[in-house]
Amino acid sequence: IQKSLGAKNFFILFQFLFEAVFLCLLGGATGIF
C-alpha cells in the first residue's frame, strides 16, 4: 500500500533499517545499564 501510494524504495529501506537499529539500541542500552 505504501509503495502504491508513491513511497520510494529508500523510504521502505530506511524504515526497516531504523527499526532494527532502534531495537538493537534498546537492547544495548539495557546491557550498559
PDB file of all heavy atoms in Angstrom:
ATOM      1  N   ILE A   1       0.837  -1.209   0.000  1.00  0.00           N
ATOM      2  CA  ILE A   1       0.000   0.000   0.000  1.00  0.00           C
ATOM      3  C   ILE A   1       0.869   1.255   0.000  1.00  0.00           C
ATOM      4  O   ILE A   1       0.599   2.220  -0.736  1.00  0.00           O
ATOM      5  CB  ILE A   1      -0.940  -0.010   1.227  1.00  0.00           C
ATOM      6  CG1 ILE A   1      -1.947  -1.160   1.114  1.00  0.00           C
ATOM      7  CG2 ILE A   1      -1.665   1.319   1.362  1.00  0.00           C
ATOM      8  CD1 ILE A   1      -2.806  -1.347   2.344  1.00  0.00           C
ATOM      9  N   GLN A   2       1.927   1.255   0.796  1.00  0.00           N
ATOM     10  CA  GLN A   2       2.819   2.422   0.846  1.00  0.00           C
ATOM     11  C   GLN A   2       3.462   2.679  -0.512  1.00  0.00           C
ATOM     12  O   GLN A   2       3.537   3.827  -0.982  1.00  0.00           O
ATOM     13  CB  GLN A   2       3.906   2.204   1.907  1.00  0.00           C
ATOM     14  CG  GLN A   2       3.418   2.323   3.340  1.00  0.00           C
ATOM     15  CD  GLN A   2       4.531   2.061   4.343  1.00  0.00           C
ATOM     16  OE1 GLN A   2       5.436   1.253   4.101  1.00  0.00           O
ATOM     17  NE2 GLN A   2       4.480   2.736   5.477  1.00  0.00           N
ATOM     18  N   LYS A   3       3.890   1.614  -1.188  1.00  0.00           N
ATOM     19  CA  LYS A   3       4.558   1.786  -2.477  1.00  0.00           C
ATOM     20  C   LYS A   3       3.563   2.210  -3.557  1.00  0.00           C
ATOM     21  O   LYS A   3       3.904   2.981  -4.472  1.00  0.00           O
ATOM     22  CB  LYS A   3       5.271   0.491  -2.878  1.00  0.00           C
ATOM     23  CG  LYS A   3       6.374   0.080  -1.892  1.00  0.00           C
ATOM     24  CD  LYS A   3       7.249  -1.026  -2.433  1.00  0.00           C
ATOM     25  CE  LYS A   3       8.226  -0.495  -3.453  1.00  0.00           C
ATOM     26  NZ  LYS A   3       9.237  -1.482  -3.831  1.00  0.00           N
ATOM     27  N   SER A   4       2.336   1.703  -3.453  1.00  0.00           N
ATOM     28  CA  SER A   4       1.320   2.103  -4.445  1.00  0.00           C
ATOM     29  C   SER A   4       0.925   3.564  -4.285  1.00  0.00           C
ATOM     30  O   SER A   4       0.484   4.213  -5.236  1.00  0.00           O
ATOM     31  CB  SER A   4       0.082   1.215  -4.314  1.00  0.00           C
ATOM     32  OG  SER A   4      -0.550   1.429  -3.050  1.00  0.00           O
ATOM     33  N   LEU A   5       1.088   4.084  -3.063  1.00  0.00           N
ATOM     34  CA  LEU A   5       0.780   5.492  -2.807  1.00  0.00           C
ATOM     35  C   LEU A   5       1.975   6.408  -3.096  1.00  0.00           C
ATOM     36  O   LEU A   5       1.906   7.613  -2.855  1.00  0.00           O
ATOM     37  CB  LEU A   5       0.329   5.688  -1.359  1.00  0.00           C
ATOM     38  CG  LEU A   5      -1.007   5.027  -0.991  1.00  0.00           C
ATOM     39  CD1 LEU A   5      -1.299   5.205   0.499  1.00  0.00           C
ATOM     40  CD2 LEU A   5      -2.137   5.626  -1.825  1.00  0.00           C
ATOM     41  N   GLY A   6       3.067   5.818  -3.591  1.00  0.00           N
ATOM     42  CA  GLY A   6       4.202   6.638  -4.014  1.00  0.00           C
ATOM     43  C   GLY A   6       5.425   6.581  -3.122  1.00  0.00           C
ATOM     44  O   GLY A   6       6.372   7.353  -3.317  1.00  0.00           O
ATOM     45  N   ALA A   7       5.429   5.702  -2.127  1.00  0.00           N
ATOM     46  CA  ALA A   7       6.605   5.603  -1.246  1.00  0.00           C
ATOM     47  C   ALA A   7       7.794   5.074  -2.031  1.00  0.00           C
ATOM     48  O   ALA A   7       7.692   4.089  -2.778  1.00  0.00           O
ATOM     49  CB  ALA A   7       6.299   4.682  -0.064  1.00  0.00           C
ATOM     50  N   LYS A   8       8.914   5.732  -1.897  1.00  0.00           N
ATOM     51  CA  LYS A   8      10.138   5.323  -2.586  1.00  0.00           C
ATOM     52  C   LYS A   8      10.771   4.129  -1.876  1.00  0.00           C
ATOM     53  O   LYS A   8      10.509   3.853  -0.699  1.00  0.00           O
ATOM     54  CB  LYS A   8      11.132   6.483  -2.629  1.00  0.00           C
ATOM     55  CG  LYS A   8      10.595   7.739  -3.286  1.00  0.00           C
ATOM     56  CD  LYS A   8      10.311   7.516  -4.766  1.00  0.00           C
ATOM     57  CE  LYS A   8       9.842   8.812  -5.450  1.00  0.00           C
ATOM     58  NZ  LYS A   8       9.520   8.599  -6.878  1.00  0.00           N
ATOM     59  N   ASN A   9      11.654   3.456  -2.650  1.00  0.00           N
ATOM     60  CA  ASN A   9      12.338   2.288  -2.086  1.00  0.00           C
ATOM     61  C   ASN A   9      13.192   2.659  -0.868  1.00  0.00           C
ATOM     62  O   ASN A   9      13.260   1.917   0.109  1.00  0.00           O
ATOM     63  CB  ASN A   9      13.214   1.623  -3.151  1.00  0.00           C
ATOM     64  CG  ASN A   9      12.388   0.857  -4.164  1.00  0.00           C
ATOM     65  OD1 ASN A   9      11.178   0.687  -3.988  1.00  0.00           O
ATOM     66  ND2 ASN A   9      13.021   0.405  -5.225  1.00  0.00           N
ATOM     67  N   PHE A  10      13.843   3.833  -0.945  1.00  0.00           N
ATOM     68  CA  PHE A  10      14.720   4.227   0.156  1.00  0.00           C
ATOM     69  C   PHE A  10      13.937   4.488   1.439  1.00  0.00           C
ATOM     70  O   PHE A  10      14.435   4.312   2.540  1.00  0.00           O
ATOM     71  CB  PHE A  10      15.550   5.453  -0.236  1.00  0.00           C
ATOM     72  CG  PHE A  10      14.807   6.756  -0.197  1.00  0.00           C
ATOM     73  CD1 PHE A  10      14.723   7.512   0.975  1.00  0.00           C
ATOM     74  CD2 PHE A  10      14.185   7.240  -1.341  1.00  0.00           C
ATOM     75  CE1 PHE A  10      14.047   8.713   0.997  1.00  0.00           C
ATOM     76  CE2 PHE A  10      13.500   8.437  -1.319  1.00  0.00           C
ATOM     77  CZ  PHE A  10      13.424   9.177  -0.142  1.00  0.00           C
ATOM     78  N   PHE A  11      12.638   4.912   1.253  1.00  0.00           N
ATOM     79  CA  PHE A  11      11.790   5.141   2.430  1.00  0.00           C
ATOM     80  C   PHE A  11      11.514   3.815   3.151  1.00  0.00           C
ATOM     81  O   PHE A  11      11.609   3.716   4.375  1.00  0.00           O
ATOM     82  CB  PHE A  11      10.487   5.816   2.006  1.00  0.00           C
ATOM     83  CG  PHE A  11       9.499   5.959   3.126  1.00  0.00           C
ATOM     84  CD1 PHE A  11       9.607   6.992   4.037  1.00  0.00           C
ATOM     85  CD2 PHE A  11       8.455   5.046   3.275  1.00  0.00           C
ATOM     86  CE1 PHE A  11       8.699   7.130   5.077  1.00  0.00           C
ATOM     87  CE2 PHE A  11       7.539   5.171   4.311  1.00  0.00           C
ATOM     88  CZ  PHE A  11       7.669   6.212   5.211  1.00  0.00           C
ATOM     89  N   ILE A  12      11.161   2.783   2.368  1.00  0.00           N
ATOM     90  CA  ILE A  12      10.902   1.463   2.950  1.00  0.00           C
ATOM     91  C   ILE A  12      12.186   0.899   3.558  1.00  0.00           C
ATOM     92  O   ILE A  12      12.163   0.344   4.667  1.00  0.00           O
ATOM     93  CB  ILE A  12      10.348   0.502   1.882  1.00  0.00           C
ATOM     94  CG1 ILE A  12       9.108   1.105   1.193  1.00  0.00           C
ATOM     95  CG2 ILE A  12      10.034  -0.853   2.496  1.00  0.00           C
ATOM     96  CD1 ILE A  12       7.951   1.341   2.128  1.00  0.00           C
ATOM     97  N   LEU A  13      13.294   1.065   2.823  1.00  0.00           N
ATOM     98  CA  LEU A  13      14.581   0.560   3.314  1.00  0.00           C
ATOM     99  C   LEU A  13      14.947   1.223   4.643  1.00  0.00           C
ATOM    100  O   LEU A  13      15.304   0.542   5.623  1.00  0.00           O
ATOM    101  CB  LEU A  13      15.671   0.835   2.274  1.00  0.00           C
ATOM    102  CG  LEU A  13      17.102   0.468   2.678  1.00  0.00           C
ATOM    103  CD1 LEU A  13      17.261  -1.037   2.736  1.00  0.00           C
ATOM    104  CD2 LEU A  13      18.105   1.071   1.690  1.00  0.00           C
ATOM    105  N   PHE A  14      14.837   2.533   4.688  1.00  0.00           N
ATOM    106  CA  PHE A  14      15.204   3.266   5.895  1.00  0.00           C
ATOM    107  C   PHE A  14      14.278   2.912   7.053  1.00  0.00           C
ATOM    108  O   PHE A  14      14.696   2.826   8.206  1.00  0.00           O
ATOM    109  CB  PHE A  14      15.148   4.770   5.612  1.00  0.00           C
ATOM    110  CG  PHE A  14      15.559   5.619   6.793  1.00  0.00           C
ATOM    111  CD1 PHE A  14      16.884   5.858   7.063  1.00  0.00           C
ATOM    112  CD2 PHE A  14      14.589   6.166   7.630  1.00  0.00           C
ATOM    113  CE1 PHE A  14      17.258   6.637   8.153  1.00  0.00           C
ATOM    114  CE2 PHE A  14      14.947   6.941   8.723  1.00  0.00           C
ATOM    115  CZ  PHE A  14      16.290   7.172   8.983  1.00  0.00           C
ATOM    116  N   GLN A  15      13.004   2.674   6.726  1.00  0.00           N
ATOM    117  CA  GLN A  15      12.013   2.365   7.754  1.00  0.00           C
ATOM    118  C   GLN A  15      12.381   1.097   8.515  1.00  0.00           C
ATOM    119  O   GLN A  15      12.407   1.080   9.753  1.00  0.00           O
ATOM    120  CB  GLN A  15      10.651   2.207   7.075  1.00  0.00           C
ATOM    121  CG  GLN A  15       9.495   1.995   8.012  1.00  0.00           C
ATOM    122  CD  GLN A  15       8.214   1.805   7.227  1.00  0.00           C
ATOM    123  OE1 GLN A  15       7.717   0.690   7.089  1.00  0.00           O
ATOM    124  NE2 GLN A  15       7.675   2.890   6.681  1.00  0.00           N
ATOM    125  N   PHE A  16      12.711   0.031   7.790  1.00  0.00           N
ATOM    126  CA  PHE A  16      13.045  -1.237   8.433  1.00  0.00           C
ATOM    127  C   PHE A  16      14.454  -1.203   9.038  1.00  0.00           C
ATOM    128  O   PHE A  16      14.701  -1.815  10.085  1.00  0.00           O
ATOM    129  CB  PHE A  16      12.923  -2.388   7.428  1.00  0.00           C
ATOM    130  CG  PHE A  16      11.513  -2.807   7.180  1.00  0.00           C
ATOM    131  CD1 PHE A  16      10.771  -2.229   6.154  1.00  0.00           C
ATOM    132  CD2 PHE A  16      10.898  -3.746   7.985  1.00  0.00           C
ATOM    133  CE1 PHE A  16       9.459  -2.597   5.931  1.00  0.00           C
ATOM    134  CE2 PHE A  16       9.579  -4.125   7.776  1.00  0.00           C
ATOM    135  CZ  PHE A  16       8.851  -3.541   6.741  1.00  0.00           C
ATOM    136  N   LEU A  17      15.342  -0.488   8.381  1.00  0.00           N
ATOM    137  CA  LEU A  17      16.707  -0.395   8.921  1.00  0.00           C
ATOM    138  C   LEU A  17      16.712   0.368  10.239  1.00  0.00           C
ATOM    139  O   LEU A  17      17.387  -0.019  11.204  1.00  0.00           O
ATOM    140  CB  LEU A  17      17.621   0.295   7.907  1.00  0.00           C
ATOM    141  CG  LEU A  17      19.131   0.136   8.117  1.00  0.00           C
ATOM    142  CD1 LEU A  17      19.517  -1.337   8.085  1.00  0.00           C
ATOM    143  CD2 LEU A  17      19.904   0.902   7.045  1.00  0.00           C
ATOM    144  N   PHE A  18      15.936   1.439  10.289  1.00  0.00           N
ATOM    145  CA  PHE A  18      15.840   2.207  11.526  1.00  0.00           C
ATOM    146  C   PHE A  18      15.226   1.362  12.637  1.00  0.00           C
ATOM    147  O   PHE A  18      15.626   1.448  13.796  1.00  0.00           O
ATOM    148  CB  PHE A  18      15.010   3.470  11.299  1.00  0.00           C
ATOM    149  CG  PHE A  18      14.871   4.322  12.532  1.00  0.00           C
ATOM    150  CD1 PHE A  18      15.834   5.268  12.855  1.00  0.00           C
ATOM    151  CD2 PHE A  18      13.781   4.172  13.378  1.00  0.00           C
ATOM    152  CE1 PHE A  18      15.711   6.049  13.991  1.00  0.00           C
ATOM    153  CE2 PHE A  18      13.653   4.938  14.517  1.00  0.00           C
ATOM    154  CZ  PHE A  18      14.622   5.889  14.824  1.00  0.00           C
ATOM    155  N   GLU A  19      14.227   0.544  12.270  1.00  0.00           N
ATOM    156  CA  GLU A  19      13.584  -0.315  13.267  1.00  0.00           C
ATOM    157  C   GLU A  19      14.601  -1.287  13.863  1.00  0.00           C
ATOM    158  O   GLU A  19      14.626  -1.497  15.079  1.00  0.00           O
ATOM    159  CB  GLU A  19      12.436  -1.087  12.623  1.00  0.00           C
ATOM    160  CG  GLU A  19      11.675  -1.968  13.599  1.00  0.00           C
ATOM    161  CD  GLU A  19      10.495  -2.634  12.939  1.00  0.00           C
ATOM    162  OE1 GLU A  19       9.972  -2.080  11.948  1.00  0.00           O
ATOM    163  OE2 GLU A  19      10.078  -3.717  13.420  1.00  0.00           O
ATOM    164  N   ALA A  20      15.460  -1.870  13.029  1.00  0.00           N
ATOM    165  CA  ALA A  20      16.480  -2.798  13.524  1.00  0.00           C
ATOM    166  C   ALA A  20      17.484  -2.087  14.422  1.00  0.00           C
ATOM    167  O   ALA A  20      17.861  -2.600  15.486  1.00  0.00           O
ATOM    168  CB  ALA A  20      17.195  -3.460  12.345  1.00  0.00           C
ATOM    169  N   VAL A  21      17.904  -0.891  14.008  1.00  0.00           N
ATOM    170  CA  VAL A  21      18.863  -0.129  14.813  1.00  0.00           C
ATOM    171  C   VAL A  21      18.236   0.281  16.138  1.00  0.00           C
ATOM    172  O   VAL A  21      18.872   0.212  17.197  1.00  0.00           O
ATOM    173  CB  VAL A  21      19.350   1.116  14.036  1.00  0.00           C
ATOM    174  CG1 VAL A  21      20.167   2.035  14.943  1.00  0.00           C
ATOM    175  CG2 VAL A  21      20.178   0.694  12.834  1.00  0.00           C
ATOM    176  N   PHE A  22      16.976   0.696  16.094  1.00  0.00           N
ATOM    177  CA  PHE A  22      16.283   1.105  17.322  1.00  0.00           C
ATOM    178  C   PHE A  22      16.190  -0.057  18.316  1.00  0.00           C
ATOM    179  O   PHE A  22      16.446   0.103  19.517  1.00  0.00           O
ATOM    180  CB  PHE A  22      14.887   1.619  16.972  1.00  0.00           C
ATOM    181  CG  PHE A  22      14.023   1.876  18.176  1.00  0.00           C
ATOM    182  CD1 PHE A  22      14.238   2.986  18.983  1.00  0.00           C
ATOM    183  CD2 PHE A  22      12.997   0.988  18.515  1.00  0.00           C
ATOM    184  CE1 PHE A  22      13.441   3.214  20.103  1.00  0.00           C
ATOM    185  CE2 PHE A  22      12.207   1.221  19.621  1.00  0.00           C
ATOM    186  CZ  PHE A  22      12.427   2.329  20.426  1.00  0.00           C
ATOM    187  N   LEU A  23      15.839  -1.235  17.815  1.00  0.00           N
ATOM    188  CA  LEU A  23      15.732  -2.402  18.682  1.00  0.00           C
ATOM    189  C   LEU A  23      17.089  -2.768  19.286  1.00  0.00           C
ATOM    190  O   LEU A  23      17.189  -3.095  20.478  1.00  0.00           O
ATOM    191  CB  LEU A  23      15.153  -3.589  17.907  1.00  0.00           C
ATOM    192  CG  LEU A  23      13.692  -3.449  17.448  1.00  0.00           C
ATOM    193  CD1 LEU A  23      13.288  -4.624  16.578  1.00  0.00           C
ATOM    194  CD2 LEU A  23      12.772  -3.323  18.648  1.00  0.00           C
ATOM    195  N   CYS A  24      18.139  -2.708  18.477  1.00  0.00           N
ATOM    196  CA  CYS A  24      19.478  -3.017  18.980  1.00  0.00           C
ATOM    197  C   CYS A  24      19.939  -1.979  20.000  1.00  0.00           C
ATOM    198  O   CYS A  24      20.579  -2.325  20.997  1.00  0.00           O
ATOM    199  CB  CYS A  24      20.476  -3.098  17.819  1.00  0.00           C
ATOM    200  SG  CYS A  24      20.448  -4.665  16.952  1.00  0.00           S
ATOM    201  N   LEU A  25      19.637  -0.707  19.741  1.00  0.00           N
ATOM    202  CA  LEU A  25      19.998   0.341  20.702  1.00  0.00           C
ATOM    203  C   LEU A  25      19.274   0.139  22.028  1.00  0.00           C
ATOM    204  O   LEU A  25      19.855   0.357  23.102  1.00  0.00           O
ATOM    205  CB  LEU A  25      19.659   1.718  20.133  1.00  0.00           C
ATOM    206  CG  LEU A  25      20.721   2.371  19.252  1.00  0.00           C
ATOM    207  CD1 LEU A  25      20.191   3.680  18.667  1.00  0.00           C
ATOM    208  CD2 LEU A  25      21.999   2.628  20.030  1.00  0.00           C
ATOM    209  N   LEU A  26      18.023  -0.292  21.951  1.00  0.00           N
ATOM    210  CA  LEU A  26      17.263  -0.548  23.167  1.00  0.00           C
ATOM    211  C   LEU A  26      17.894  -1.688  23.972  1.00  0.00           C
ATOM    212  O   LEU A  26      18.078  -1.580  25.192  1.00  0.00           O
ATOM    213  CB  LEU A  26      15.817  -0.878  22.808  1.00  0.00           C
ATOM    214  CG  LEU A  26      14.822  -0.992  23.983  1.00  0.00           C
ATOM    215  CD1 LEU A  26      14.761   0.321  24.753  1.00  0.00           C
ATOM    216  CD2 LEU A  26      13.446  -1.396  23.478  1.00  0.00           C
ATOM    217  N   GLY A  27      18.257  -2.759  23.270  1.00  0.00           N
ATOM    218  CA  GLY A  27      18.919  -3.870  23.949  1.00  0.00           C
ATOM    219  C   GLY A  27      20.294  -3.496  24.461  1.00  0.00           C
ATOM    220  O   GLY A  27      20.684  -3.873  25.574  1.00  0.00           O
ATOM    221  N   GLY A  28      21.046  -2.731  23.652  1.00  0.00           N
ATOM    222  CA  GLY A  28      22.384  -2.312  24.076  1.00  0.00           C
ATOM    223  C   GLY A  28      22.350  -1.392  25.270  1.00  0.00           C
ATOM    224  O   GLY A  28      23.164  -1.513  26.195  1.00  0.00           O
ATOM    225  N   ALA A  29      21.377  -0.448  25.272  1.00  0.00           N
ATOM    226  CA  ALA A  29      21.251   0.468  26.409  1.00  0.00           C
ATOM    227  C   ALA A  29      20.913  -0.293  27.682  1.00  0.00           C
ATOM    228  O   ALA A  29      21.409   0.040  28.770  1.00  0.00           O
ATOM    229  CB  ALA A  29      20.180   1.514  26.116  1.00  0.00           C
ATOM    230  N   THR A  30      20.093  -1.332  27.547  1.00  0.00           N
ATOM    231  CA  THR A  30      19.768  -2.155  28.716  1.00  0.00           C
ATOM    232  C   THR A  30      21.009  -2.867  29.238  1.00  0.00           C
ATOM    233  O   THR A  30      21.239  -2.935  30.453  1.00  0.00           O
ATOM    234  CB  THR A  30      18.690  -3.186  28.358  1.00  0.00           C
ATOM    235  OG1 THR A  30      17.545  -2.516  27.823  1.00  0.00           O
ATOM    236  CG2 THR A  30      18.288  -3.990  29.582  1.00  0.00           C
ATOM    237  N   GLY A  31      21.824  -3.395  28.317  1.00  0.00           N
ATOM    238  CA  GLY A  31      23.065  -4.057  28.732  1.00  0.00           C
ATOM    239  C   GLY A  31      24.016  -3.104  29.422  1.00  0.00           C
ATOM    240  O   GLY A  31      24.633  -3.455  30.443  1.00  0.00           O
ATOM    241  N   ILE A  32      24.146  -1.887  28.887  1.00  0.00           N
ATOM    242  CA  ILE A  32      25.021  -0.884  29.509  1.00  0.00           C
ATOM    243  C   ILE A  32      24.498  -0.499  30.889  1.00  0.00           C
ATOM    244  O   ILE A  32      25.274  -0.314  31.832  1.00  0.00           O
ATOM    245  CB  ILE A  32      25.130   0.356  28.600  1.00  0.00           C
ATOM    246  CG1 ILE A  32      25.871  -0.013  27.301  1.00  0.00           C
ATOM    247  CG2 ILE A  32      25.856   1.495  29.305  1.00  0.00           C
ATOM    248  CD1 ILE A  32      25.876   1.092  26.265  1.00  0.00           C
ATOM    249  N   PHE A  33      23.179  -0.399  31.008  1.00  0.00           N
ATOM    250  CA  PHE A  33      22.586  -0.070  32.308  1.00  0.00           C
ATOM    251  C   PHE A  33      22.904  -1.157  33.337  1.00  0.00           C
ATOM    252  O   PHE A  33      23.210  -0.856  34.506  1.00  0.00           O
ATOM    253  CB  PHE A  33      21.077   0.094  32.150  1.00  0.00           C
ATOM    254  CG  PHE A  33      20.355   0.354  33.447  1.00  0.00           C
ATOM    255  CD1 PHE A  33      20.456   1.575  34.085  1.00  0.00           C
ATOM    256  CD2 PHE A  33      19.581  -0.641  34.030  1.00  0.00           C
ATOM    257  CE1 PHE A  33      19.799   1.821  35.283  1.00  0.00           C
ATOM    258  CE2 PHE A  33      18.922  -0.417  35.226  1.00  0.00           C
ATOM    259  CZ  PHE A  33      19.032   0.817  35.855  1.00  0.00           C
TER     260      PHE A  33
END
